Amino acid sequence: MKFICLTLLIICGITDSRAEQYAVVGPADPVFVVAGEDVILHCSVKPSISVVDMRVEWFRSDLKDSQLVHLYKDHEDRNTEQSQSYRGRTKLNHQELQRGNASLKVSSVQISDEGLYKCFIQSKSWYDDTTVSVSVEAVGRPPVITVDGFDHSGGLHLLCESEGWYPEPVLEWLNSEGVSLSPETTEKHRNTDGFSVKHTITVHHRNDKIHCRVKLRHHELETMIITTTESIISVVLKRGYAYPWGPTRRNRAEQQAGDSTDDQQSRLQRRGESISRQLNSSIKEMRRRKNQTQPVERIGRSPRGESSEPGQSELERREQRSRDPGGEVGLG
């Protein structure tokens, strides 16, 4: 009899344990988010059972010290040991926990938030976890083109630079026909704000439009400089975006992008006007120096006070003086 009761208890325990088994699932693909925006890291259990009575822990699995991102335990958030960089930026929806949804919201995403996040859910008799990969993008400032002087042949040195991007963007020069131009020098630097890039080229053609374009996945910023025979520079900011979510949100995205860069465009236009004045002054100075080096034919009075014609030799001038009653007679 005792053996039968013990067997029934073991079977009931096994059955109860199997009934509580679940799988923790998350997104299979990396989650892309723009720095400064909010993101939701999806995590849930299958089948959809309540996890209100369970332990839900989010932490960084790619870091050596496995930083705690968020902890839910005993029906409340317990973030006394939460990593300092996530303080006040994480949130679990407690109502969704009843549906088996343990997704975490991270506000005001930073570049340092990029990495691997583990969602760990533990009951009294079972546990499972899943990993969510987060990739952060930072859209930098519009590229700025400046005139960096001239070479010996009159070529125009142009410098294009942009900063605040993450990850490293692609910067390219294009002519008016959209043909890529090879840069002469390239520089890149990285700091806490992201990557800064700088490229230079030399332009020998006038009446042309030179574009400097910076691209990063779904984002693109472009500046155009116009060179004319009068050496007047016009700098125009152009914004271009790729929309992976389709055309329905395009107008709203363009409006938001325009609002965020209006001040930058005004500053860029003022800088372009300043560049134009500097360039015109440099061109005038080059023309003045060029004119000084060209031979000039003298037309007027000779050193002795007589008038002379261009191309007249010294012998002809002396003969003219001997025939001129009002002039001096040559003695030689």
C-alpha atoms as a PDB file:
ATOM      1  CA  MET A   1       0.000   0.000   0.000  1.00  0.00           C
ATOM      2  CA  LYS A   2       2.799   2.387   0.910  1.00  0.00           C
ATOM      3  CA  PHE A   3       4.533   1.514  -2.340  1.00  0.00           C
ATOM      4  CA  ILE A   4       1.415   2.409  -4.331  1.00  0.00           C
ATOM      5  CA  CYS A   5       1.039   5.781  -2.576  1.00  0.00           C
ATOM      6  CA  LEU A   6       4.691   6.627  -3.144  1.00  0.00           C
ATOM      7  CA  THR A   7       4.362   5.741  -6.804  1.00  0.00           C
ATOM      8  CA  LEU A   8       1.312   7.965  -7.165  1.00  0.00           C
ATOM      9  CA  LEU A   9       3.138  10.903  -5.537  1.00  0.00           C
ATOM     10  CA  ILE A  10       6.085  10.531  -7.908  1.00  0.00           C
ATOM     11  CA  ILE A  11       3.763  10.357 -10.913  1.00  0.00           C
ATOM     12  CA  CYS A  12       1.840  13.434  -9.752  1.00  0.00           C
ATOM     13  CA  GLY A  13       5.076  15.338  -9.243  1.00  0.00           C
ATOM     14  CA  ILE A  14       6.344  14.440 -12.678  1.00  0.00           C
ATOM     15  CA  THR A  15       2.998  15.357 -14.240  1.00  0.00           C
ATOM     16  CA  ASP A  16       2.936  18.711 -12.417  1.00  0.00           C
ATOM     17  CA  SER A  17       6.521  19.466 -13.464  1.00  0.00           C
ATOM     18  CA  ARG A  18       5.759  18.711 -17.107  1.00  0.00           C
ATOM     19  CA  ALA A  19       2.653  20.865 -16.934  1.00  0.00           C
ATOM     20  CA  GLU A  20       4.831  23.858 -15.891  1.00  0.00           C
ATOM     21  CA  GLN A  21       7.427  23.430 -18.622  1.00  0.00           C
ATOM     22  CA  TYR A  22       7.648  26.264 -21.147  1.00  0.00           C
ATOM     23  CA  ALA A  23       9.964  27.697 -23.748  1.00  0.00           C
ATOM     24  CA  VAL A  24      11.250  31.282 -23.677  1.00  0.00           C
ATOM     25  CA  VAL A  25      11.289  32.800 -27.153  1.00  0.00           C
ATOM     26  CA  GLY A  26      12.499  36.071 -28.664  1.00  0.00           C
ATOM     27  CA  PRO A  27      13.212  37.617 -32.082  1.00  0.00           C
ATOM     28  CA  ALA A  28      15.419  35.588 -34.394  1.00  0.00           C
ATOM     29  CA  ASP A  29      16.880  38.671 -36.130  1.00  0.00           C
ATOM     30  CA  PRO A  30      18.835  41.548 -34.592  1.00  0.00           C
ATOM     31  CA  VAL A  31      16.824  44.519 -33.377  1.00  0.00           C
ATOM     32  CA  PHE A  32      17.878  47.812 -35.018  1.00  0.00           C
ATOM     33  CA  VAL A  33      17.258  51.065 -33.194  1.00  0.00           C
ATOM     34  CA  VAL A  34      18.358  54.675 -33.709  1.00  0.00           C
ATOM     35  CA  ALA A  35      20.193  56.271 -30.803  1.00  0.00           C
ATOM     36  CA  GLY A  36      17.900  58.484 -28.754  1.00  0.00           C
ATOM     37  CA  GLU A  37      14.758  56.490 -29.508  1.00  0.00           C
ATOM     38  CA  ASP A  38      12.975  53.854 -27.409  1.00  0.00           C
ATOM     39  CA  VAL A  39      13.044  50.135 -28.155  1.00  0.00           C
ATOM     40  CA  ILE A  40      11.118  47.084 -26.968  1.00  0.00           C
ATOM     41  CA  LEU A  41      13.045  43.843 -26.572  1.00  0.00           C
ATOM     42  CA  HIS A  42      10.504  41.080 -27.117  1.00  0.00           C
ATOM     43  CA  CYS A  43      10.496  38.036 -24.857  1.00  0.00           C
ATOM     44  CA  SER A  44       7.639  35.640 -24.027  1.00  0.00           C
ATOM     45  CA  VAL A  45       6.907  32.095 -23.000  1.00  0.00           C
ATOM     46  CA  LYS A  46       5.277  29.352 -25.064  1.00  0.00           C
ATOM     47  CA  PRO A  47       2.672  28.190 -24.308  1.00  0.00           C
ATOM     48  CA  SER A  48       1.332  31.556 -23.143  1.00  0.00           C
ATOM     49  CA  ILE A  49       1.103  31.043 -19.400  1.00  0.00           C
ATOM     50  CA  SER A  50       1.302  33.662 -16.686  1.00  0.00           C
ATOM     51  CA  VAL A  51       4.779  34.535 -15.439  1.00  0.00           C
ATOM     52  CA  VAL A  52       3.560  36.841 -12.657  1.00  0.00           C
ATOM     53  CA  ASP A  53       4.772  34.396  -9.988  1.00  0.00           C
ATOM     54  CA  MET A  54       8.090  33.751 -11.716  1.00  0.00           C
ATOM     55  CA  ARG A  55      11.484  35.437 -11.744  1.00  0.00           C
ATOM     56  CA  VAL A  56      12.128  37.555 -14.864  1.00  0.00           C
ATOM     57  CA  GLU A  57      15.677  38.764 -15.309  1.00  0.00           C
ATOM     58  CA  TRP A  58      17.231  40.761 -18.151  1.00  0.00           C
ATOM     59  CA  PHE A  59      21.028  41.098 -18.268  1.00  0.00           C
ATOM     60  CA  ARG A  60      23.857  41.732 -20.730  1.00  0.00           C
ATOM     61  CA  SER A  61      25.349  38.365 -21.673  1.00  0.00           C
ATOM     62  CA  ASP A  62      28.098  39.874 -23.857  1.00  0.00           C
ATOM     63  CA  LEU A  63      29.836  41.704 -21.028  1.00  0.00           C
ATOM     64  CA  LYS A  64      32.279  40.140 -18.597  1.00  0.00           C
ATOM     65  CA  ASP A  65      30.389  41.201 -15.488  1.00  0.00           C
ATOM     66  CA  SER A  66      26.949  40.338 -17.002  1.00  0.00           C
ATOM     67  CA  GLN A  67      25.430  43.699 -16.114  1.00  0.00           C
ATOM     68  CA  LEU A  68      21.915  43.549 -14.684  1.00  0.00           C
ATOM     69  CA  VAL A  69      19.499  45.420 -16.922  1.00  0.00           C
ATOM     70  CA  HIS A  70      16.200  44.685 -15.128  1.00  0.00           C
ATOM     71  CA  LEU A  71      14.956  42.271 -12.462  1.00  0.00           C
ATOM     72  CA  TYR A  72      11.383  41.299 -11.591  1.00  0.00           C
ATOM     73  CA  LYS A  73      10.992  39.059  -8.540  1.00  0.00           C
ATOM     74  CA  ASP A  74       8.313  38.346  -5.945  1.00  0.00           C
ATOM     75  CA  HIS A  75       5.717  40.364  -7.869  1.00  0.00           C
ATOM     76  CA  GLU A  76       7.768  43.553  -8.058  1.00  0.00           C
ATOM     77  CA  ASP A  77      10.746  45.192  -9.761  1.00  0.00           C
ATOM     78  CA  ARG A  78      13.970  44.842  -7.807  1.00  0.00           C
ATOM     79  CA  ASN A  79      16.603  47.019  -9.451  1.00  0.00           C
ATOM     80  CA  THR A  80      18.837  47.937  -6.539  1.00  0.00           C
ATOM     81  CA  GLU A  81      21.720  46.138  -8.280  1.00  0.00           C
ATOM     82  CA  GLN A  82      20.805  47.396 -11.738  1.00  0.00           C
ATOM     83  CA  SER A  83      23.655  48.710 -13.884  1.00  0.00           C
ATOM     84  CA  GLN A  84      24.020  52.456 -13.482  1.00  0.00           C
ATOM     85  CA  SER A  85      23.776  53.093 -17.222  1.00  0.00           C
ATOM     86  CA  TYR A  86      20.223  51.646 -17.298  1.00  0.00           C
ATOM     87  CA  ARG A  87      18.850  53.444 -14.233  1.00  0.00           C
ATOM     88  CA  GLY A  88      15.449  54.940 -14.995  1.00  0.00           C
ATOM     89  CA  ARG A  89      15.431  53.665 -18.591  1.00  0.00           C
ATOM     90  CA  THR A  90      13.890  50.171 -18.320  1.00  0.00           C
ATOM     91  CA  LYS A  91      10.321  49.040 -17.807  1.00  0.00           C
ATOM     92  CA  LEU A  92       8.337  45.771 -17.684  1.00  0.00           C
ATOM     93  CA  ASN A  93       4.596  45.823 -18.339  1.00  0.00           C
ATOM     94  CA  HIS A  94       3.216  43.955 -15.315  1.00  0.00           C
ATOM     95  CA  GLN A  95      -0.177  43.450 -16.946  1.00  0.00           C
ATOM     96  CA  GLU A  96       1.461  41.698 -19.885  1.00  0.00           C
ATOM     97  CA  LEU A  97       3.197  39.293 -17.510  1.00  0.00           C
ATOM     98  CA  GLN A  98      -0.143  37.592 -16.998  1.00  0.00           C
ATOM     99  CA  ARG A  99      -0.143  36.734 -20.707  1.00  0.00           C
ATOM    100  CA  GLY A 100       3.368  35.349 -20.622  1.00  0.00           C
ATOM    101  CA  ASN A 101       4.867  38.514 -22.164  1.00  0.00           C
ATOM    102  CA  ALA A 102       8.091  39.617 -20.441  1.00  0.00           C
ATOM    103  CA  SER A 103       9.203  42.138 -23.096  1.00  0.00           C
ATOM    104  CA  LEU A 104      11.435  44.935 -21.841  1.00  0.00           C
ATOM    105  CA  LYS A 105      11.216  48.582 -22.885  1.00  0.00           C
ATOM    106  CA  VAL A 106      14.494  50.533 -22.962  1.00  0.00           C
ATOM    107  CA  SER A 107      14.139  54.301 -23.295  1.00  0.00           C
ATOM    108  CA  SER A 108      16.548  56.834 -24.829  1.00  0.00           C
ATOM    109  CA  VAL A 109      18.822  54.221 -26.362  1.00  0.00           C
ATOM    110  CA  GLN A 110      22.541  54.964 -26.247  1.00  0.00           C
ATOM    111  CA  ILE A 111      25.364  53.706 -28.435  1.00  0.00           C
ATOM    112  CA  SER A 112      26.670  51.743 -25.443  1.00  0.00           C
ATOM    113  CA  ASP A 113      23.369  49.809 -25.333  1.00  0.00           C
ATOM    114  CA  GLU A 114      24.389  47.803 -28.385  1.00  0.00           C
ATOM    115  CA  GLY A 115      25.018  44.166 -27.541  1.00  0.00           C
ATOM    116  CA  LEU A 116      23.426  40.883 -26.452  1.00  0.00           C
ATOM    117  CA  TYR A 117      20.575  40.774 -23.937  1.00  0.00           C
ATOM    118  CA  LYS A 118      19.453  37.589 -22.204  1.00  0.00           C
ATOM    119  CA  CYS A 119      15.865  37.157 -21.034  1.00  0.00           C
ATOM    120  CA  PHE A 120      15.818  34.603 -18.216  1.00  0.00           C
ATOM    121  CA  ILE A 121      12.510  33.330 -16.782  1.00  0.00           C
ATOM    122  CA  GLN A 122      12.485  30.940 -13.823  1.00  0.00           C
ATOM    123  CA  SER A 123       9.624  29.205 -12.018  1.00  0.00           C
ATOM    124  CA  LYS A 124       9.835  26.957  -8.959  1.00  0.00           C
ATOM    125  CA  SER A 125      10.587  23.892 -11.052  1.00  0.00           C
ATOM    126  CA  TRP A 126      11.643  25.136 -14.474  1.00  0.00           C
ATOM    127  CA  TYR A 127      13.657  27.809 -16.255  1.00  0.00           C
ATOM    128  CA  ASP A 128      14.570  28.839 -19.774  1.00  0.00           C
ATOM    129  CA  ASP A 129      16.077  31.829 -21.549  1.00  0.00           C
ATOM    130  CA  THR A 130      16.548  33.495 -24.923  1.00  0.00           C
ATOM    131  CA  THR A 131      19.023  36.036 -26.318  1.00  0.00           C
ATOM    132  CA  VAL A 132      18.120  39.271 -28.101  1.00  0.00           C
ATOM    133  CA  SER A 133      20.731  41.040 -30.245  1.00  0.00           C
ATOM    134  CA  VAL A 134      20.509  44.850 -30.344  1.00  0.00           C
ATOM    135  CA  SER A 135      22.230  46.992 -32.979  1.00  0.00           C
ATOM    136  CA  VAL A 136      22.280  50.748 -32.423  1.00  0.00           C
ATOM    137  CA  GLU A 137      22.514  53.305 -35.209  1.00  0.00           C
ATOM    138  CA  ALA A 138      23.351  56.983 -34.723  1.00  0.00           C
ATOM    139  CA  VAL A 139      22.560  59.407 -37.548  1.00  0.00           C
ATOM    140  CA  GLY A 140      25.253  62.069 -37.615  1.00  0.00           C
ATOM    141  CA  ARG A 141      25.271  65.703 -38.637  1.00  0.00           C
ATOM    142  CA  PRO A 142      24.843  66.778 -42.278  1.00  0.00           C
ATOM    143  CA  PRO A 143      28.172  66.816 -44.150  1.00  0.00           C
ATOM    144  CA  VAL A 144      29.881  70.189 -44.517  1.00  0.00           C
ATOM    145  CA  ILE A 145      32.003  71.101 -47.551  1.00  0.00           C
ATOM    146  CA  THR A 146      34.721  73.722 -47.150  1.00  0.00           C
ATOM    147  CA  VAL A 147      37.249  75.206 -49.582  1.00  0.00           C
ATOM    148  CA  ASP A 148      40.746  74.282 -48.462  1.00  0.00           C
ATOM    149  CA  GLY A 149      42.728  76.385 -50.959  1.00  0.00           C
ATOM    150  CA  PHE A 150      44.187  75.870 -54.449  1.00  0.00           C
ATOM    151  CA  ASP A 151      47.021  73.907 -55.957  1.00  0.00           C
ATOM    152  CA  HIS A 152      49.709  75.239 -58.336  1.00  0.00           C
ATOM    153  CA  SER A 153      47.540  74.499 -61.373  1.00  0.00           C
ATOM    154  CA  GLY A 154      44.485  76.308 -60.066  1.00  0.00           C
ATOM    155  CA  GLY A 155      42.702  73.168 -58.831  1.00  0.00           C
ATOM    156  CA  LEU A 156      40.202  73.701 -56.056  1.00  0.00           C
ATOM    157  CA  HIS A 157      40.810  71.725 -52.849  1.00  0.00           C
ATOM    158  CA  LEU A 158      37.536  70.630 -51.225  1.00  0.00           C
ATOM    159  CA  LEU A 159      37.131  69.126 -47.766  1.00  0.00           C
ATOM    160  CA  CYS A 160      33.989  67.253 -46.652  1.00  0.00           C
ATOM    161  CA  GLU A 161      33.446  66.216 -43.059  1.00  0.00           C
ATOM    162  CA  SER A 162      30.657  64.827 -40.899  1.00  0.00           C
ATOM    163  CA  GLU A 163      30.500  63.541 -37.336  1.00  0.00           C
ATOM    164  CA  GLY A 164      28.263  61.771 -34.841  1.00  0.00           C
ATOM    165  CA  TRP A 165      27.644  58.538 -36.805  1.00  0.00           C
ATOM    166  CA  TYR A 166      27.452  54.959 -35.553  1.00  0.00           C
ATOM    167  CA  PRO A 167      28.534  52.526 -36.792  1.00  0.00           C
ATOM    168  CA  GLU A 168      31.097  53.893 -39.240  1.00  0.00           C
ATOM    169  CA  PRO A 169      29.336  55.452 -42.251  1.00  0.00           C
ATOM    170  CA  VAL A 170      30.338  55.541 -45.915  1.00  0.00           C
ATOM    171  CA  LEU A 171      31.385  58.934 -47.298  1.00  0.00           C
ATOM    172  CA  GLU A 172      31.644  59.436 -51.043  1.00  0.00           C
ATOM    173  CA  TRP A 173      32.176  62.247 -53.564  1.00  0.00           C
ATOM    174  CA  LEU A 174      30.048  62.386 -56.723  1.00  0.00           C
ATOM    175  CA  ASN A 175      30.090  64.669 -59.753  1.00  0.00           C
ATOM    176  CA  SER A 176      27.006  66.122 -61.449  1.00  0.00           C
ATOM    177  CA  GLU A 177      26.536  62.893 -63.414  1.00  0.00           C
ATOM    178  CA  GLY A 178      26.554  60.734 -60.299  1.00  0.00           C
ATOM    179  CA  VAL A 179      29.990  59.277 -61.006  1.00  0.00           C
ATOM    180  CA  SER A 180      32.001  58.467 -57.890  1.00  0.00           C
ATOM    181  CA  LEU A 181      35.181  60.522 -57.383  1.00  0.00           C
ATOM    182  CA  SER A 182      38.191  59.027 -55.629  1.00  0.00           C
ATOM    183  CA  PRO A 183      39.232  60.975 -52.521  1.00  0.00           C
ATOM    184  CA  GLU A 184      42.835  62.087 -52.129  1.00  0.00           C
ATOM    185  CA  THR A 185      42.916  61.753 -48.350  1.00  0.00           C
ATOM    186  CA  THR A 186      40.602  60.040 -45.868  1.00  0.00           C
ATOM    187  CA  GLU A 187      40.403  60.289 -42.097  1.00  0.00           C
ATOM    188  CA  LYS A 188      38.168  58.682 -39.485  1.00  0.00           C
ATOM    189  CA  HIS A 189      37.978  58.964 -35.724  1.00  0.00           C
ATOM    190  CA  ARG A 190      35.797  57.406 -33.039  1.00  0.00           C
ATOM    191  CA  ASN A 191      34.784  58.780 -29.665  1.00  0.00           C
ATOM    192  CA  THR A 192      31.850  58.426 -27.278  1.00  0.00           C
ATOM    193  CA  ASP A 193      29.603  60.298 -29.732  1.00  0.00           C
ATOM    194  CA  GLY A 194      30.367  57.908 -32.598  1.00  0.00           C
ATOM    195  CA  PHE A 195      32.430  58.165 -35.777  1.00  0.00           C
ATOM    196  CA  SER A 196      33.626  61.279 -37.585  1.00  0.00           C
ATOM    197  CA  VAL A 197      34.798  61.049 -41.206  1.00  0.00           C
ATOM    198  CA  LYS A 198      36.736  63.479 -43.395  1.00  0.00           C
ATOM    199  CA  HIS A 199      37.628  63.231 -47.117  1.00  0.00           C
ATOM    200  CA  THR A 200      39.364  65.645 -49.518  1.00  0.00           C
ATOM    201  CA  ILE A 201      39.422  65.990 -53.319  1.00  0.00           C
ATOM    202  CA  THR A 202      40.754  68.482 -55.876  1.00  0.00           C
ATOM    203  CA  VAL A 203      38.432  69.822 -58.584  1.00  0.00           C
ATOM    204  CA  HIS A 204      39.822  71.217 -61.856  1.00  0.00           C
ATOM    205  CA  HIS A 205      36.557  71.738 -63.715  1.00  0.00           C
ATOM    206  CA  ARG A 206      34.289  74.722 -63.349  1.00  0.00           C
ATOM    207  CA  ASN A 207      30.530  74.832 -63.977  1.00  0.00           C
ATOM    208  CA  ASP A 208      30.050  71.598 -62.075  1.00  0.00           C
ATOM    209  CA  LYS A 209      28.079  70.270 -59.135  1.00  0.00           C
ATOM    210  CA  ILE A 210      30.040  68.255 -56.601  1.00  0.00           C
ATOM    211  CA  HIS A 211      28.147  66.136 -54.076  1.00  0.00           C
ATOM    212  CA  CYS A 212      29.362  64.840 -50.724  1.00  0.00           C
ATOM    213  CA  ARG A 213      27.169  62.002 -49.479  1.00  0.00           C
ATOM    214  CA  VAL A 214      27.254  60.133 -46.165  1.00  0.00           C
ATOM    215  CA  LYS A 215      25.344  56.844 -45.951  1.00  0.00           C
ATOM    216  CA  LEU A 216      24.524  54.445 -43.134  1.00  0.00           C
ATOM    217  CA  ARG A 217      22.151  51.565 -43.856  1.00  0.00           C
ATOM    218  CA  HIS A 218      18.705  53.204 -44.057  1.00  0.00           C
ATOM    219  CA  HIS A 219      19.970  56.780 -43.617  1.00  0.00           C
ATOM    220  CA  GLU A 220      21.590  59.202 -46.035  1.00  0.00           C
ATOM    221  CA  LEU A 221      22.655  62.860 -45.810  1.00  0.00           C
ATOM    222  CA  GLU A 222      24.061  64.841 -48.707  1.00  0.00           C
ATOM    223  CA  THR A 223      25.546  68.280 -49.381  1.00  0.00           C
ATOM    224  CA  MET A 224      26.128  69.798 -52.813  1.00  0.00           C
ATOM    225  CA  ILE A 225      28.586  72.515 -53.837  1.00  0.00           C
ATOM    226  CA  ILE A 226      28.241  74.376 -57.139  1.00  0.00           C
ATOM    227  CA  THR A 227      31.325  75.800 -58.872  1.00  0.00           C
ATOM    228  CA  THR A 228      30.907  78.293 -61.746  1.00  0.00           C
ATOM    229  CA  THR A 229      33.220  80.244 -64.028  1.00  0.00           C
ATOM    230  CA  GLU A 230      32.690  83.210 -61.732  1.00  0.00           C
ATOM    231  CA  SER A 231      33.929  81.045 -58.863  1.00  0.00           C
ATOM    232  CA  ILE A 232      30.757  81.496 -56.848  1.00  0.00           C
ATOM    233  CA  ILE A 233      30.030  78.682 -54.431  1.00  0.00           C
ATOM    234  CA  SER A 234      26.541  77.661 -53.398  1.00  0.00           C
ATOM    235  CA  VAL A 235      26.129  75.053 -50.695  1.00  0.00           C
ATOM    236  CA  VAL A 236      22.815  73.205 -50.554  1.00  0.00           C
ATOM    237  CA  LEU A 237      21.787  70.578 -48.025  1.00  0.00           C
ATOM    238  CA  LYS A 238      19.873  67.634 -49.415  1.00  0.00           C
ATOM    239  CA  ARG A 239      18.303  64.899 -47.311  1.00  0.00           C
ATOM    240  CA  GLY A 240      17.595  61.411 -48.579  1.00  0.00           C
ATOM    241  CA  TYR A 241      16.209  58.406 -46.724  1.00  0.00           C
ATOM    242  CA  ALA A 242      15.450  54.792 -47.464  1.00  0.00           C
ATOM    243  CA  TYR A 243      12.238  53.557 -45.901  1.00  0.00           C
ATOM    244  CA  PRO A 244      12.352  49.852 -45.017  1.00  0.00           C
ATOM    245  CA  TRP A 245       8.859  50.110 -43.489  1.00  0.00           C
ATOM    246  CA  GLY A 246       7.226  51.180 -46.772  1.00  0.00           C
ATOM    247  CA  PRO A 247       5.644  54.429 -48.009  1.00  0.00           C
ATOM    248  CA  THR A 248       2.900  54.761 -45.368  1.00  0.00           C
ATOM    249  CA  ARG A 249       5.194  56.452 -42.834  1.00  0.00           C
ATOM    250  CA  ARG A 250       7.326  58.327 -45.336  1.00  0.00           C
ATOM    251  CA  ASN A 251       5.725  61.769 -45.051  1.00  0.00           C
ATOM    252  CA  ARG A 252       5.872  61.707 -41.258  1.00  0.00           C
ATOM    253  CA  ALA A 253       9.515  60.610 -41.306  1.00  0.00           C
ATOM    254  CA  GLU A 254      10.447  63.368 -43.769  1.00  0.00           C
ATOM    255  CA  GLN A 255       8.735  65.969 -41.622  1.00  0.00           C
ATOM    256  CA  GLN A 256      10.526  64.797 -38.486  1.00  0.00           C
ATOM    257  CA  ALA A 257      13.861  64.738 -40.310  1.00  0.00           C
ATOM    258  CA  GLY A 258      13.281  68.218 -41.670  1.00  0.00           C
ATOM    259  CA  ASP A 259      12.359  69.653 -38.281  1.00  0.00           C
ATOM    260  CA  SER A 260      15.476  68.191 -36.663  1.00  0.00           C
ATOM    261  CA  THR A 261      17.888  69.668 -39.237  1.00  0.00           C
ATOM    262  CA  ASP A 262      16.397  73.124 -39.962  1.00  0.00           C
ATOM    263  CA  ASP A 263      18.865  74.854 -37.655  1.00  0.00           C
ATOM    264  CA  GLN A 264      21.759  72.870 -39.116  1.00  0.00           C
ATOM    265  CA  GLN A 265      20.691  73.839 -42.637  1.00  0.00           C
ATOM    266  CA  SER A 266      20.608  77.530 -41.706  1.00  0.00           C
ATOM    267  CA  ARG A 267      24.091  77.322 -40.237  1.00  0.00           C
ATOM    268  CA  LEU A 268      25.296  75.465 -43.315  1.00  0.00           C
ATOM    269  CA  GLN A 269      23.891  78.140 -45.637  1.00  0.00           C
ATOM    270  CA  ARG A 270      25.605  80.896 -43.655  1.00  0.00           C
ATOM    271  CA  ARG A 271      28.847  78.955 -43.797  1.00  0.00           C
ATOM    272  CA  GLY A 272      28.402  78.528 -47.549  1.00  0.00           C
ATOM    273  CA  GLU A 273      28.028  82.284 -47.997  1.00  0.00           C
ATOM    274  CA  SER A 274      31.204  82.827 -46.002  1.00  0.00           C
ATOM    275  CA  ILE A 275      33.017  80.256 -48.158  1.00  0.00           C
ATOM    276  CA  SER A 276      31.829  82.060 -51.294  1.00  0.00           C
ATOM    277  CA  ARG A 277      33.263  85.371 -50.128  1.00  0.00           C
ATOM    278  CA  GLN A 278      36.580  83.777 -49.212  1.00  0.00           C
ATOM    279  CA  LEU A 279      36.825  81.949 -52.514  1.00  0.00           C
ATOM    280  CA  ASN A 280      36.008  85.033 -54.592  1.00  0.00           C
ATOM    281  CA  SER A 281      38.641  87.019 -52.717  1.00  0.00           C
ATOM    282  CA  SER A 282      41.204  84.272 -53.381  1.00  0.00           C
ATOM    283  CA  ILE A 283      40.325  84.169 -57.082  1.00  0.00           C
ATOM    284  CA  LYS A 284      40.710  87.935 -57.425  1.00  0.00           C
ATOM    285  CA  GLU A 285      44.118  87.760 -55.751  1.00  0.00           C
ATOM    286  CA  MET A 286      45.221  84.952 -58.108  1.00  0.00           C
ATOM    287  CA  ARG A 287      44.133  86.969 -61.142  1.00  0.00           C
ATOM    288  CA  ARG A 288      45.966  90.037 -59.873  1.00  0.00           C
ATOM    289  CA  ARG A 289      49.194  88.092 -59.416  1.00  0.00           C
ATOM    290  CA  LYS A 290      48.806  86.497 -62.829  1.00  0.00           C
ATOM    291  CA  ASN A 291      48.418  89.879 -64.517  1.00  0.00           C
ATOM    292  CA  GLN A 292      51.548  91.145 -62.792  1.00  0.00           C
ATOM    293  CA  THR A 293      53.642  88.360 -64.320  1.00  0.00           C
ATOM    294  CA  GLN A 294      52.451  88.938 -67.929  1.00  0.00           C
ATOM    295  CA  PRO A 295      54.633  91.203 -70.233  1.00  0.00           C
ATOM    296  CA  VAL A 296      53.101  94.622 -70.895  1.00  0.00           C
ATOM    297  CA  GLU A 297      53.999  96.687 -74.010  1.00  0.00           C
ATOM    298  CA  ARG A 298      54.900 100.252 -73.189  1.00  0.00           C
ATOM    299  CA  ILE A 299      53.179 102.963 -75.213  1.00  0.00           C
ATOM    300  CA  GLY A 300      54.035 106.582 -74.489  1.00  0.00           C
ATOM    301  CA  ARG A 301      57.115 108.762 -74.004  1.00  0.00           C
ATOM    302  CA  SER A 302      60.614 107.367 -74.272  1.00  0.00           C
ATOM    303  CA  PRO A 303      63.116 107.843 -71.457  1.00  0.00           C
ATOM    304  CA  ARG A 304      64.223 111.087 -73.192  1.00  0.00           C
ATOM    305  CA  GLY A 305      60.650 112.342 -73.367  1.00  0.00           C
ATOM    306  CA  GLU A 306      59.875 111.297 -76.971  1.00  0.00           C
ATOM    307  CA  SER A 307      56.855 109.267 -77.968  1.00  0.00           C
ATOM    308  CA  SER A 308      57.538 105.740 -79.164  1.00  0.00           C
ATOM    309  CA  GLU A 309      55.487 103.082 -80.907  1.00  0.00           C
ATOM    310  CA  PRO A 310      55.297  99.427 -79.884  1.00  0.00           C
ATOM    311  CA  GLY A 311      57.983  97.310 -81.480  1.00  0.00           C
ATOM    312  CA  GLN A 312      60.173 100.318 -82.417  1.00  0.00           C
ATOM    313  CA  SER A 313      63.936  99.604 -82.190  1.00  0.00           C
ATOM    314  CA  GLU A 314      66.500 101.872 -80.589  1.00  0.00           C
ATOM    315  CA  LEU A 315      68.002 102.770 -84.019  1.00  0.00           C
ATOM    316  CA  GLU A 316      64.607 103.822 -85.349  1.00  0.00           C
ATOM    317  CA  ARG A 317      63.995 105.979 -82.305  1.00  0.00           C
ATOM    318  CA  ARG A 318      67.383 107.726 -82.722  1.00  0.00           C
ATOM    319  CA  GLU A 319      66.660 108.381 -86.393  1.00  0.00           C
ATOM    320  CA  GLN A 320      63.308 109.817 -85.433  1.00  0.00           C
ATOM    321  CA  ARG A 321      64.954 112.155 -82.944  1.00  0.00           C
ATOM    322  CA  SER A 322      67.442 113.358 -85.597  1.00  0.00           C
ATOM    323  CA  ARG A 323      64.546 114.210 -87.927  1.00  0.00           C
ATOM    324  CA  ASP A 324      62.500 115.884 -85.257  1.00  0.00           C
ATOM    325  CA  PRO A 325      63.329 119.596 -85.071  1.00  0.00           C
ATOM    326  CA  GLY A 326      62.165 119.775 -81.505  1.00  0.00           C
ATOM    327  CA  GLY A 327      64.227 116.811 -80.372  1.00  0.00           C
ATOM    328  CA  GLU A 328      67.861 116.279 -79.573  1.00  0.00           C
ATOM    329  CA  VAL A 329      70.244 115.040 -82.224  1.00  0.00           C
ATOM    330  CA  GLY A 330      71.895 111.754 -81.449  1.00  0.00           C
ATOM    331  CA  LEU A 331      75.632 111.853 -81.176  1.00  0.00           C
ATOM    332  CA  GLY A 332      76.406 108.224 -81.457  1.00  0.00           C
END
